């Protein structure tokens, strides 16, 4: 029996995305999801202001010791695990909450002061502050030559 070409193409795309974590967060939410089980992935906002960038992740129910923020060169990784507790002697009638481990990766601009990156967790919201290196210098650059 021949396989459906669209299914094969989707499997190839998913394989490519798994190897490139930067593509994963961009493409995966737009892929058909009926075959995949629900998994926890925190919603993210990235905001830039004159002093730098702020990445905000919603991580309700994730304790501080289950969260990890790592910087490796120009890559910022936030990972953690949301554990769900359900009584083992009870019958679940509705289960809409999702849990499990997650990982979100962000490519940092070169203008970030890496040693000054900070993270805080308040009321289930993780805020990662990425300060800009020096003052924001915006100007027209003269072109030399003839």
N, C-alpha and C. Protein backbone atom coordinates (compact mmCIF):
# COMPACT_ATOMS: atom_id res chain seq x y z
N UNK A 1 0.84 -1.18 0.00
CA UNK A 1 0.00 0.00 0.00
C UNK A 1 0.88 1.24 0.00
N UNK A 2 0.56 2.21 -0.83
CA UNK A 2 1.35 3.44 -0.92
C UNK A 2 0.94 4.40 0.19
N UNK A 3 1.93 5.14 0.67
CA UNK A 3 1.62 6.11 1.72
C UNK A 3 1.15 7.41 1.09
N UNK A 4 0.36 8.12 1.81
CA UNK A 4 -0.16 9.40 1.36
C UNK A 4 1.00 10.40 1.30
N UNK A 5 1.23 11.06 0.14
CA UNK A 5 2.37 11.99 0.02
C UNK A 5 2.30 13.16 1.01
N UNK A 6 1.09 13.61 1.34
CA UNK A 6 0.99 14.73 2.28
C UNK A 6 1.41 14.30 3.68
N UNK A 7 1.08 13.06 4.06
CA UNK A 7 1.51 12.57 5.37
C UNK A 7 3.03 12.42 5.42
N UNK A 8 3.61 11.93 4.33
CA UNK A 8 5.06 11.77 4.27
C UNK A 8 5.74 13.15 4.35
N UNK A 9 5.19 14.12 3.65
CA UNK A 9 5.77 15.47 3.69
C UNK A 9 5.66 16.05 5.10
N UNK A 10 4.54 15.84 5.77
CA UNK A 10 4.36 16.34 7.13
C UNK A 10 5.34 15.67 8.09
N UNK A 11 5.56 14.35 7.94
CA UNK A 11 6.54 13.65 8.78
C UNK A 11 7.95 14.20 8.54
N UNK A 12 8.30 14.47 7.28
CA UNK A 12 9.62 15.04 6.98
C UNK A 12 9.77 16.42 7.59
N UNK A 13 8.73 17.24 7.50
CA UNK A 13 8.77 18.58 8.08
C UNK A 13 8.92 18.50 9.60
N UNK A 14 8.16 17.61 10.25
CA UNK A 14 8.27 17.46 11.70
C UNK A 14 9.66 17.00 12.11
N UNK A 15 10.26 16.13 11.32
CA UNK A 15 11.63 15.66 11.60
C UNK A 15 12.62 16.82 11.50
N UNK A 16 12.47 17.65 10.49
CA UNK A 16 13.35 18.82 10.32
C UNK A 16 13.19 19.79 11.49
N UNK A 17 11.96 20.01 11.90
CA UNK A 17 11.68 20.94 12.99
C UNK A 17 12.28 20.43 14.30
N UNK A 18 12.21 19.13 14.54
CA UNK A 18 12.77 18.57 15.76
C UNK A 18 14.28 18.78 15.83
N UNK A 19 14.96 18.84 14.70
CA UNK A 19 16.41 19.05 14.68
C UNK A 19 16.78 20.52 14.81
N UNK A 20 15.85 21.44 14.55
CA UNK A 20 16.14 22.87 14.64
C UNK A 20 15.17 23.52 15.62
N UNK A 21 15.57 23.68 16.89
CA UNK A 21 14.65 24.19 17.90
C UNK A 21 14.16 25.60 17.64
N UNK A 22 14.91 26.39 16.87
CA UNK A 22 14.45 27.75 16.58
C UNK A 22 13.24 27.72 15.65
N UNK A 23 13.21 26.77 14.73
CA UNK A 23 12.05 26.62 13.85
C UNK A 23 10.86 26.03 14.59
N UNK A 24 11.14 25.20 15.59
CA UNK A 24 10.08 24.48 16.29
C UNK A 24 9.01 25.42 16.83
N UNK A 25 9.40 26.49 17.50
CA UNK A 25 8.42 27.37 18.12
C UNK A 25 7.67 28.21 17.09
N UNK A 26 8.26 28.39 15.91
CA UNK A 26 7.60 29.18 14.88
C UNK A 26 6.61 28.33 14.08
N UNK A 27 7.03 27.15 13.67
CA UNK A 27 6.25 26.34 12.74
C UNK A 27 5.26 25.41 13.43
N UNK A 28 5.66 24.79 14.54
CA UNK A 28 4.84 23.75 15.16
C UNK A 28 3.41 24.19 15.49
N UNK A 29 3.19 25.40 16.03
CA UNK A 29 1.81 25.77 16.35
C UNK A 29 0.90 25.81 15.12
N UNK A 30 1.46 25.91 13.92
CA UNK A 30 0.67 25.99 12.70
C UNK A 30 0.47 24.66 12.01
N UNK A 31 1.11 23.59 12.50
CA UNK A 31 0.96 22.28 11.89
C UNK A 31 -0.35 21.64 12.34
N UNK A 32 -0.92 20.77 11.52
CA UNK A 32 -2.11 20.04 11.97
C UNK A 32 -1.78 19.27 13.23
N UNK A 33 -2.64 19.34 14.22
CA UNK A 33 -2.28 18.76 15.51
C UNK A 33 -3.12 17.59 15.97
N UNK A 34 -3.96 17.03 15.12
CA UNK A 34 -4.84 15.97 15.57
C UNK A 34 -4.07 14.73 16.01
N UNK A 35 -2.90 14.47 15.42
CA UNK A 35 -2.15 13.27 15.75
C UNK A 35 -1.31 13.43 17.00
N UNK A 36 -1.02 14.66 17.39
CA UNK A 36 -0.14 14.88 18.53
C UNK A 36 -0.95 15.00 19.82
N UNK A 37 -0.40 14.46 20.88
CA UNK A 37 -1.03 14.60 22.19
C UNK A 37 -0.79 16.02 22.70
N UNK A 38 -1.71 16.51 23.51
CA UNK A 38 -1.56 17.85 24.08
C UNK A 38 -0.35 17.88 24.99
N UNK A 39 0.39 18.97 24.94
CA UNK A 39 1.53 19.12 25.83
C UNK A 39 1.58 20.57 26.29
N UNK A 40 2.16 20.77 27.44
CA UNK A 40 2.25 22.11 28.00
C UNK A 40 3.35 22.89 27.28
N UNK A 41 3.02 24.06 26.80
CA UNK A 41 3.98 24.98 26.21
C UNK A 41 3.57 26.38 26.64
N UNK A 42 4.41 27.04 27.43
CA UNK A 42 4.00 28.35 27.96
C UNK A 42 3.86 29.39 26.86
N UNK A 43 2.83 30.24 27.00
CA UNK A 43 2.67 31.37 26.09
C UNK A 43 3.76 32.39 26.39
N UNK A 44 4.23 33.07 25.34
CA UNK A 44 5.39 33.96 25.46
C UNK A 44 5.08 35.32 24.84
N UNK A 45 5.57 36.37 25.47
CA UNK A 45 5.62 37.72 24.89
C UNK A 45 7.08 38.15 24.87
N UNK A 46 7.52 38.77 23.78
CA UNK A 46 8.85 39.36 23.70
C UNK A 46 8.64 40.83 23.38
N UNK A 47 9.13 41.70 24.27
CA UNK A 47 8.94 43.14 24.13
C UNK A 47 10.30 43.83 24.12
N UNK A 48 10.48 44.76 23.18
CA UNK A 48 11.72 45.54 23.12
C UNK A 48 11.42 46.97 23.50
N UNK A 49 12.29 47.54 24.33
CA UNK A 49 12.22 48.96 24.66
C UNK A 49 13.64 49.53 24.55
N UNK A 50 13.83 50.81 24.76
CA UNK A 50 15.17 51.39 24.59
C UNK A 50 16.25 50.77 25.48
N UNK A 51 15.87 50.20 26.62
CA UNK A 51 16.88 49.64 27.52
C UNK A 51 17.19 48.17 27.25
N UNK A 52 16.38 47.50 26.42
CA UNK A 52 16.64 46.09 26.12
C UNK A 52 15.39 45.34 25.75
N UNK A 53 15.37 44.04 26.09
CA UNK A 53 14.26 43.16 25.75
C UNK A 53 13.75 42.50 27.02
N UNK A 54 12.46 42.19 27.02
CA UNK A 54 11.85 41.45 28.11
C UNK A 54 11.08 40.28 27.51
N UNK A 55 11.38 39.08 27.99
CA UNK A 55 10.67 37.88 27.58
C UNK A 55 9.82 37.45 28.76
N UNK A 56 8.52 37.33 28.54
CA UNK A 56 7.59 36.95 29.58
C UNK A 56 6.93 35.63 29.20
N UNK A 57 6.98 34.67 30.11
CA UNK A 57 6.39 33.35 29.87
C UNK A 57 5.36 33.07 30.96
N UNK A 58 4.19 32.58 30.56
CA UNK A 58 3.17 32.17 31.52
C UNK A 58 3.44 30.73 31.93
N UNK A 59 3.78 30.53 33.19
CA UNK A 59 4.11 29.19 33.70
C UNK A 59 3.34 28.89 35.00
N UNK A 60 2.00 28.99 34.95
CA UNK A 60 1.24 28.73 36.18
C UNK A 60 1.40 27.28 36.61
N UNK A 61 1.57 27.09 37.90
CA UNK A 61 1.70 25.74 38.43
C UNK A 61 3.09 25.15 38.32
N UNK A 62 4.04 25.91 37.79
CA UNK A 62 5.42 25.42 37.68
C UNK A 62 6.22 26.05 38.82
N UNK A 63 6.73 25.24 39.75
CA UNK A 63 7.51 25.82 40.86
C UNK A 63 8.86 26.34 40.38
N UNK A 64 9.41 27.28 41.14
CA UNK A 64 10.69 27.91 40.80
C UNK A 64 11.80 26.88 40.59
N UNK A 65 11.85 25.85 41.42
CA UNK A 65 12.93 24.87 41.29
C UNK A 65 12.76 23.94 40.08
N UNK A 66 11.61 24.01 39.39
CA UNK A 66 11.41 23.22 38.18
C UNK A 66 11.67 24.02 36.91
N UNK A 67 12.09 25.28 37.08
CA UNK A 67 12.40 26.16 35.94
C UNK A 67 13.90 26.35 35.82
N UNK A 68 14.39 26.42 34.58
CA UNK A 68 15.82 26.65 34.32
C UNK A 68 15.95 27.62 33.15
N UNK A 69 16.77 28.65 33.35
CA UNK A 69 17.06 29.61 32.29
C UNK A 69 18.56 29.54 32.03
N UNK A 70 18.93 29.20 30.80
CA UNK A 70 20.33 29.04 30.43
C UNK A 70 20.67 29.94 29.25
N UNK A 71 21.87 30.50 29.27
CA UNK A 71 22.37 31.29 28.15
C UNK A 71 23.62 30.59 27.64
N UNK A 72 23.64 30.33 26.33
CA UNK A 72 24.79 29.72 25.69
C UNK A 72 25.09 30.51 24.42
N UNK A 73 26.04 31.43 24.52
CA UNK A 73 26.36 32.28 23.38
C UNK A 73 25.19 33.19 23.06
N UNK A 74 24.60 32.99 21.88
CA UNK A 74 23.47 33.83 21.48
C UNK A 74 22.14 33.09 21.60
N UNK A 75 22.10 32.04 22.39
CA UNK A 75 20.87 31.26 22.55
C UNK A 75 20.44 31.27 24.01
N UNK A 76 19.20 31.68 24.24
CA UNK A 76 18.60 31.65 25.57
C UNK A 76 17.59 30.50 25.59
N UNK A 77 17.71 29.62 26.57
CA UNK A 77 16.81 28.47 26.69
C UNK A 77 16.09 28.53 28.02
N UNK A 78 14.77 28.41 27.97
CA UNK A 78 13.95 28.32 29.18
C UNK A 78 13.31 26.94 29.14
N UNK A 79 13.55 26.16 30.19
CA UNK A 79 12.97 24.83 30.24
C UNK A 79 12.41 24.59 31.63
N UNK A 80 11.50 23.65 31.71
CA UNK A 80 10.90 23.34 32.99
C UNK A 80 9.93 22.19 32.87
N UNK A 81 9.22 21.95 33.96
CA UNK A 81 8.24 20.86 33.97
C UNK A 81 7.05 21.25 34.82
N UNK A 82 5.88 21.05 34.26
CA UNK A 82 4.63 21.28 34.98
C UNK A 82 4.05 19.91 35.31
N UNK A 83 4.01 19.58 36.59
CA UNK A 83 3.49 18.28 37.01
C UNK A 83 2.03 18.43 37.41
N UNK A 84 1.23 17.49 36.95
CA UNK A 84 -0.18 17.48 37.31
C UNK A 84 -0.40 16.39 38.35
N UNK A 85 -1.19 16.68 39.36
CA UNK A 85 -1.50 15.71 40.40
C UNK A 85 -2.97 15.36 40.29
N UNK A 86 -3.21 14.08 40.06
CA UNK A 86 -4.59 13.60 40.01
C UNK A 86 -4.68 12.40 40.94
N UNK A 87 -5.76 12.30 41.65
CA UNK A 87 -5.95 11.18 42.58
C UNK A 87 -6.00 9.88 41.80
N UNK A 88 -5.21 8.90 42.23
CA UNK A 88 -5.14 7.63 41.51
C UNK A 88 -6.35 6.74 41.76
N UNK A 89 -7.07 6.98 42.86
CA UNK A 89 -8.22 6.14 43.17
C UNK A 89 -9.53 6.75 42.70
N UNK A 90 -9.45 7.83 41.92
CA UNK A 90 -10.65 8.50 41.43
C UNK A 90 -10.75 8.35 39.92
N UNK A 91 -11.96 8.52 39.39
CA UNK A 91 -12.19 8.46 37.96
C UNK A 91 -12.25 9.88 37.41
N UNK A 92 -11.39 10.17 36.48
CA UNK A 92 -11.37 11.51 35.88
C UNK A 92 -12.48 11.59 34.84
N UNK A 93 -13.34 12.57 34.98
CA UNK A 93 -14.46 12.76 34.05
C UNK A 93 -14.10 13.78 32.96
N UNK A 94 -13.36 14.81 33.31
CA UNK A 94 -12.91 15.82 32.36
C UNK A 94 -11.47 16.14 32.69
N UNK A 95 -10.60 16.15 31.68
CA UNK A 95 -9.19 16.47 31.90
C UNK A 95 -8.73 17.43 30.81
N UNK A 96 -8.77 18.72 31.11
CA UNK A 96 -8.36 19.73 30.14
C UNK A 96 -6.98 20.29 30.42
N UNK A 97 -6.50 20.13 31.65
CA UNK A 97 -5.18 20.65 31.99
C UNK A 97 -4.12 19.78 31.34
N UNK A 98 -3.05 20.42 30.88
CA UNK A 98 -1.93 19.67 30.31
C UNK A 98 -0.69 19.96 31.13
N UNK A 99 0.17 19.00 31.17
CA UNK A 99 1.42 19.14 31.91
C UNK A 99 2.54 18.52 31.12
N UNK A 100 3.66 18.38 31.78
CA UNK A 100 4.83 17.78 31.14
C UNK A 100 5.98 18.76 31.06
N UNK A 101 7.06 18.27 30.50
CA UNK A 101 8.23 19.14 30.38
C UNK A 101 8.12 19.99 29.13
N UNK A 102 8.78 21.14 29.16
CA UNK A 102 8.75 22.05 28.02
C UNK A 102 10.12 22.68 27.87
N UNK A 103 10.35 23.22 26.69
CA UNK A 103 11.58 23.96 26.41
C UNK A 103 11.28 24.99 25.34
N UNK A 104 11.65 26.23 25.60
CA UNK A 104 11.51 27.32 24.63
C UNK A 104 12.90 27.92 24.43
N UNK A 105 13.26 28.17 23.18
CA UNK A 105 14.58 28.73 22.87
C UNK A 105 14.41 30.02 22.08
N UNK A 106 15.32 30.97 22.37
CA UNK A 106 15.28 32.27 21.73
C UNK A 106 16.67 32.63 21.26
N UNK A 107 16.76 33.19 20.07
CA UNK A 107 18.02 33.68 19.55
C UNK A 107 18.22 35.10 20.05
N UNK A 108 19.33 35.33 20.74
CA UNK A 108 19.58 36.64 21.33
C UNK A 108 20.25 37.57 20.32
N UNK A 109 19.87 38.84 20.33
CA UNK A 109 20.59 39.80 19.51
C UNK A 109 21.98 40.04 20.11
N UNK A 110 22.92 40.42 19.28
CA UNK A 110 24.29 40.64 19.76
C UNK A 110 24.38 41.82 20.72
N UNK A 111 23.37 42.66 20.76
CA UNK A 111 23.40 43.85 21.60
C UNK A 111 22.98 43.58 23.04
N UNK A 112 22.91 42.32 23.45
CA UNK A 112 22.49 41.97 24.81
C UNK A 112 23.72 41.86 25.72
N UNK A 113 23.61 42.45 26.92
CA UNK A 113 24.66 42.34 27.93
C UNK A 113 24.43 41.02 28.66
N UNK A 114 25.07 39.96 28.19
CA UNK A 114 24.83 38.60 28.69
C UNK A 114 25.01 38.44 30.18
N UNK A 115 26.01 39.09 30.75
CA UNK A 115 26.28 38.94 32.19
C UNK A 115 25.21 39.61 33.04
N UNK A 116 24.38 40.45 32.46
CA UNK A 116 23.37 41.18 33.22
C UNK A 116 21.95 40.64 33.02
N UNK A 117 21.81 39.51 32.33
CA UNK A 117 20.49 38.91 32.14
C UNK A 117 19.95 38.47 33.50
N UNK A 118 18.68 38.76 33.75
CA UNK A 118 18.07 38.37 35.03
C UNK A 118 16.71 37.73 34.77
N UNK A 119 16.26 36.93 35.74
CA UNK A 119 14.96 36.27 35.64
C UNK A 119 14.26 36.32 36.98
N UNK A 120 12.94 36.57 36.94
CA UNK A 120 12.13 36.58 38.16
C UNK A 120 10.83 35.81 37.89
N UNK A 121 10.34 35.16 38.93
CA UNK A 121 9.08 34.43 38.85
C UNK A 121 8.12 35.05 39.85
N UNK A 122 7.00 35.57 39.35
CA UNK A 122 6.00 36.19 40.21
C UNK A 122 4.61 35.78 39.74
N UNK A 123 3.84 35.18 40.64
CA UNK A 123 2.45 34.80 40.36
C UNK A 123 2.30 33.98 39.08
N UNK A 124 3.20 33.04 38.85
CA UNK A 124 3.11 32.16 37.69
C UNK A 124 3.57 32.78 36.39
N UNK A 125 4.26 33.92 36.46
CA UNK A 125 4.79 34.58 35.26
C UNK A 125 6.30 34.70 35.42
N UNK A 126 7.03 34.10 34.48
CA UNK A 126 8.49 34.20 34.46
C UNK A 126 8.88 35.35 33.55
N UNK A 127 9.64 36.28 34.10
CA UNK A 127 10.10 37.44 33.33
C UNK A 127 11.61 37.38 33.22
N UNK A 128 12.11 37.34 31.99
CA UNK A 128 13.54 37.33 31.73
C UNK A 128 13.89 38.68 31.10
N UNK A 129 14.79 39.39 31.75
CA UNK A 129 15.19 40.73 31.30
C UNK A 129 16.54 40.64 30.61
N UNK A 130 16.62 41.15 29.39
CA UNK A 130 17.84 41.14 28.58
C UNK A 130 18.28 42.58 28.33
N UNK A 131 19.17 43.12 29.17
CA UNK A 131 19.57 44.51 29.00
C UNK A 131 20.41 44.71 27.74
N UNK A 132 20.22 45.84 27.12
CA UNK A 132 20.97 46.21 25.93
C UNK A 132 22.38 46.64 26.33
N UNK A 133 23.37 46.34 25.51
CA UNK A 133 24.75 46.76 25.75
C UNK A 133 24.85 48.24 25.39
N UNK A 134 25.28 49.06 26.35
CA UNK A 134 25.50 50.50 26.09
C UNK A 134 24.22 51.20 25.67
N UNK A 135 24.39 52.43 25.22
CA UNK A 135 23.26 53.23 24.75
C UNK A 135 22.87 52.80 23.35
N UNK A 136 21.62 52.98 23.06
CA UNK A 136 21.14 52.69 21.72
C UNK A 136 21.63 53.80 20.81
N UNK A 137 22.49 53.43 19.87
CA UNK A 137 23.11 54.41 18.99
C UNK A 137 22.51 54.26 17.60
N UNK A 138 21.57 55.13 17.29
CA UNK A 138 20.95 55.09 15.98
C UNK A 138 21.37 56.33 15.22
N UNK A 139 22.01 56.10 14.10
CA UNK A 139 22.49 57.23 13.29
C UNK A 139 22.70 56.75 11.87
N UNK A 140 22.80 57.71 10.97
CA UNK A 140 23.10 57.37 9.59
C UNK A 140 24.61 57.20 9.46
N UNK A 141 25.01 56.17 8.78
CA UNK A 141 26.43 55.89 8.60
C UNK A 141 26.86 56.45 7.25
N UNK A 142 27.88 57.33 7.24
CA UNK A 142 28.34 57.89 5.96
C UNK A 142 29.00 56.81 5.10
N UNK A 143 28.83 56.93 3.82
CA UNK A 143 29.40 55.98 2.87
C UNK A 143 30.64 56.60 2.24
N UNK A 144 31.78 55.94 2.41
CA UNK A 144 33.03 56.47 1.85
C UNK A 144 33.23 55.93 0.43
N UNK A 145 34.04 56.59 -0.31
CA UNK A 145 34.38 56.12 -1.66
C UNK A 145 33.88 57.09 -2.71
N UNK A 146 34.07 56.70 -3.96
CA UNK A 146 33.77 57.58 -5.09
C UNK A 146 32.47 57.34 -5.66
